[in-house]
Amino acid sequence: MDRKLTLKLDEDVIPQAKIYAASQNRSLSGLVEGYLKSLVSQNDSDRENEEIKISPFVKSMTSRIGIPSDWNPKDFKESELPIMTAQEYLVSIGRK
């Protein structure tokens, strides 16, 4: 049975995660559920003996664009940022 869960995430991650989910033809909830299932499915001894592995989803959220050291995200309004389709985003990061 499914239940509702509220998560608090960095506001910059949410739109990127939605774009990624759309590009994978999955819901954001499905991605989060899959990730959590992969974490809890490991048995305790495996977790004690292994380093934490970063999932492909989390790796995909990293930026491939250099950010100037003086850049402050608070200087920008969301309305000033470009709006992209999932396809345009994938092209912009060189994945399609």
C-alpha atoms as a PDB file:
ATOM      1  CA  MET A   1       0.000   0.000   0.000  1.00  0.00           C
ATOM      2  CA  ASP A   2       1.350   3.417  -0.934  1.00  0.00           C
ATOM      3  CA  ARG A   3       1.533   6.208   1.633  1.00  0.00           C
ATOM      4  CA  LYS A   4       2.317   9.875   1.228  1.00  0.00           C
ATOM      5  CA  LEU A   5       5.698  11.214   2.392  1.00  0.00           C
ATOM      6  CA  THR A   6       6.827  14.826   2.507  1.00  0.00           C
ATOM      7  CA  LEU A   7      10.512  15.518   1.865  1.00  0.00           C
ATOM      8  CA  LYS A   8      12.465  18.714   2.334  1.00  0.00           C
ATOM      9  CA  LEU A   9      15.038  19.157  -0.464  1.00  0.00           C
ATOM     10  CA  ASP A  10      17.303  21.889  -1.760  1.00  0.00           C
ATOM     11  CA  GLU A  11      15.178  24.034  -4.062  1.00  0.00           C
ATOM     12  CA  ASP A  12      17.767  23.808  -6.862  1.00  0.00           C
ATOM     13  CA  VAL A  13      17.661  20.004  -6.889  1.00  0.00           C
ATOM     14  CA  ILE A  14      13.905  19.644  -7.350  1.00  0.00           C
ATOM     15  CA  PRO A  15      13.591  20.990 -10.936  1.00  0.00           C
ATOM     16  CA  GLN A  16      16.676  19.030 -12.009  1.00  0.00           C
ATOM     17  CA  ALA A  17      15.281  15.863 -10.455  1.00  0.00           C
ATOM     18  CA  LYS A  18      11.940  16.378 -12.230  1.00  0.00           C
ATOM     19  CA  ILE A  19      13.713  16.799 -15.564  1.00  0.00           C
ATOM     20  CA  TYR A  20      15.779  13.678 -14.928  1.00  0.00           C
ATOM     21  CA  ALA A  21      12.691  11.680 -13.947  1.00  0.00           C
ATOM     22  CA  ALA A  22      10.881  12.801 -17.098  1.00  0.00           C
ATOM     23  CA  SER A  23      13.866  11.825 -19.243  1.00  0.00           C
ATOM     24  CA  GLN A  24      13.721   8.333 -17.701  1.00  0.00           C
ATOM     25  CA  ASN A  25       9.926   8.092 -18.157  1.00  0.00           C
ATOM     26  CA  ARG A  26       9.534   7.716 -14.396  1.00  0.00           C
ATOM     27  CA  SER A  27       7.924   9.733 -11.664  1.00  0.00           C
ATOM     28  CA  LEU A  28      10.043  11.528  -9.105  1.00  0.00           C
ATOM     29  CA  SER A  29       8.335   9.436  -6.423  1.00  0.00           C
ATOM     30  CA  GLY A  30       9.309   6.279  -8.303  1.00  0.00           C
ATOM     31  CA  LEU A  31      12.946   7.367  -8.476  1.00  0.00           C
ATOM     32  CA  VAL A  32      13.073   8.172  -4.773  1.00  0.00           C
ATOM     33  CA  GLU A  33      11.335   4.900  -3.891  1.00  0.00           C
ATOM     34  CA  GLY A  34      13.755   2.908  -6.052  1.00  0.00           C
ATOM     35  CA  TYR A  35      16.730   4.624  -4.455  1.00  0.00           C
ATOM     36  CA  LEU A  36      15.446   4.013  -0.931  1.00  0.00           C
ATOM     37  CA  LYS A  37      14.695   0.370  -1.738  1.00  0.00           C
ATOM     38  CA  SER A  38      18.258  -0.076  -2.969  1.00  0.00           C
ATOM     39  CA  LEU A  39      19.550   1.342   0.319  1.00  0.00           C
ATOM     40  CA  VAL A  40      17.441  -0.819   2.609  1.00  0.00           C
ATOM     41  CA  SER A  41      17.833  -4.001   0.576  1.00  0.00           C
ATOM     42  CA  GLN A  42      21.499  -4.312   1.494  1.00  0.00           C
ATOM     43  CA  ASN A  43      21.989  -6.476   4.548  1.00  0.00           C
ATOM     44  CA  ASP A  44      23.654  -5.012   7.625  1.00  0.00           C
ATOM     45  CA  SER A  45      27.003  -6.773   7.181  1.00  0.00           C
ATOM     46  CA  ASP A  46      27.325  -5.438   3.619  1.00  0.00           C
ATOM     47  CA  ARG A  47      26.698  -1.902   4.836  1.00  0.00           C
ATOM     48  CA  GLU A  48      29.331  -2.189   7.542  1.00  0.00           C
ATOM     49  CA  ASN A  49      31.998  -3.455   5.140  1.00  0.00           C
ATOM     50  CA  GLU A  50      31.370  -1.184   2.137  1.00  0.00           C
ATOM     51  CA  GLU A  51      31.847   2.458   1.483  1.00  0.00           C
ATOM     52  CA  ILE A  52      28.750   4.406   0.541  1.00  0.00           C
ATOM     53  CA  LYS A  53      28.133   4.177  -3.193  1.00  0.00           C
ATOM     54  CA  ILE A  54      26.683   7.123  -5.068  1.00  0.00           C
ATOM     55  CA  SER A  55      23.795   6.089  -7.287  1.00  0.00           C
ATOM     56  CA  PRO A  56      23.748   6.971 -11.001  1.00  0.00           C
ATOM     57  CA  PHE A  57      20.770   9.238 -10.287  1.00  0.00           C
ATOM     58  CA  VAL A  58      22.707  11.297  -7.742  1.00  0.00           C
ATOM     59  CA  LYS A  59      25.753  11.414 -10.033  1.00  0.00           C
ATOM     60  CA  SER A  60      23.539  12.684 -12.850  1.00  0.00           C
ATOM     61  CA  MET A  61      22.502  15.652 -10.709  1.00  0.00           C
ATOM     62  CA  THR A  62      26.026  17.071 -10.644  1.00  0.00           C
ATOM     63  CA  SER A  63      26.689  20.016 -12.927  1.00  0.00           C
ATOM     64  CA  ARG A  64      29.075  19.824 -15.831  1.00  0.00           C
ATOM     65  CA  ILE A  65      29.212  23.599 -16.072  1.00  0.00           C
ATOM     66  CA  GLY A  66      31.848  25.639 -14.261  1.00  0.00           C
ATOM     67  CA  ILE A  67      30.353  28.081 -11.789  1.00  0.00           C
ATOM     68  CA  PRO A  68      32.188  31.330 -11.072  1.00  0.00           C
ATOM     69  CA  SER A  69      33.427  31.581  -7.486  1.00  0.00           C
ATOM     70  CA  ASP A  70      31.539  34.859  -6.970  1.00  0.00           C
ATOM     71  CA  TRP A  71      28.201  33.461  -8.236  1.00  0.00           C
ATOM     72  CA  ASN A  72      25.352  33.789  -5.747  1.00  0.00           C
ATOM     73  CA  PRO A  73      22.093  31.981  -6.551  1.00  0.00           C
ATOM     74  CA  LYS A  74      20.174  34.476  -4.423  1.00  0.00           C
ATOM     75  CA  ASP A  75      20.977  37.144  -7.036  1.00  0.00           C
ATOM     76  CA  PHE A  76      18.674  35.418  -9.538  1.00  0.00           C
ATOM     77  CA  LYS A  77      14.923  35.084  -9.664  1.00  0.00           C
ATOM     78  CA  GLU A  78      13.434  31.803 -10.836  1.00  0.00           C
ATOM     79  CA  SER A  79      11.452  33.738 -13.467  1.00  0.00           C
ATOM     80  CA  GLU A  80      14.745  34.878 -15.047  1.00  0.00           C
ATOM     81  CA  LEU A  81      16.067  31.339 -15.496  1.00  0.00           C
ATOM     82  CA  PRO A  82      15.532  29.608 -18.832  1.00  0.00           C
ATOM     83  CA  ILE A  83      12.745  27.059 -19.043  1.00  0.00           C
ATOM     84  CA  MET A  84      13.750  23.873 -20.852  1.00  0.00           C
ATOM     85  CA  THR A  85      12.039  20.696 -21.863  1.00  0.00           C
ATOM     86  CA  ALA A  86      13.644  17.444 -20.718  1.00  0.00           C
ATOM     87  CA  GLN A  87      14.972  16.960 -24.266  1.00  0.00           C
ATOM     88  CA  GLU A  88      16.528  20.457 -24.345  1.00  0.00           C
ATOM     89  CA  TYR A  89      18.144  19.838 -20.949  1.00  0.00           C
ATOM     90  CA  LEU A  90      19.667  16.545 -22.080  1.00  0.00           C
ATOM     91  CA  VAL A  91      21.047  18.211 -25.197  1.00  0.00           C
ATOM     92  CA  SER A  92      22.475  21.075 -23.098  1.00  0.00           C
ATOM     93  CA  ILE A  93      24.458  18.644 -20.944  1.00  0.00           C
ATOM     94  CA  GLY A  94      25.566  16.559 -23.923  1.00  0.00           C
ATOM     95  CA  ARG A  95      23.558  13.439 -23.174  1.00  0.00           C
ATOM     96  CA  LYS A  96      21.522  13.392 -26.408  1.00  0.00           C
END
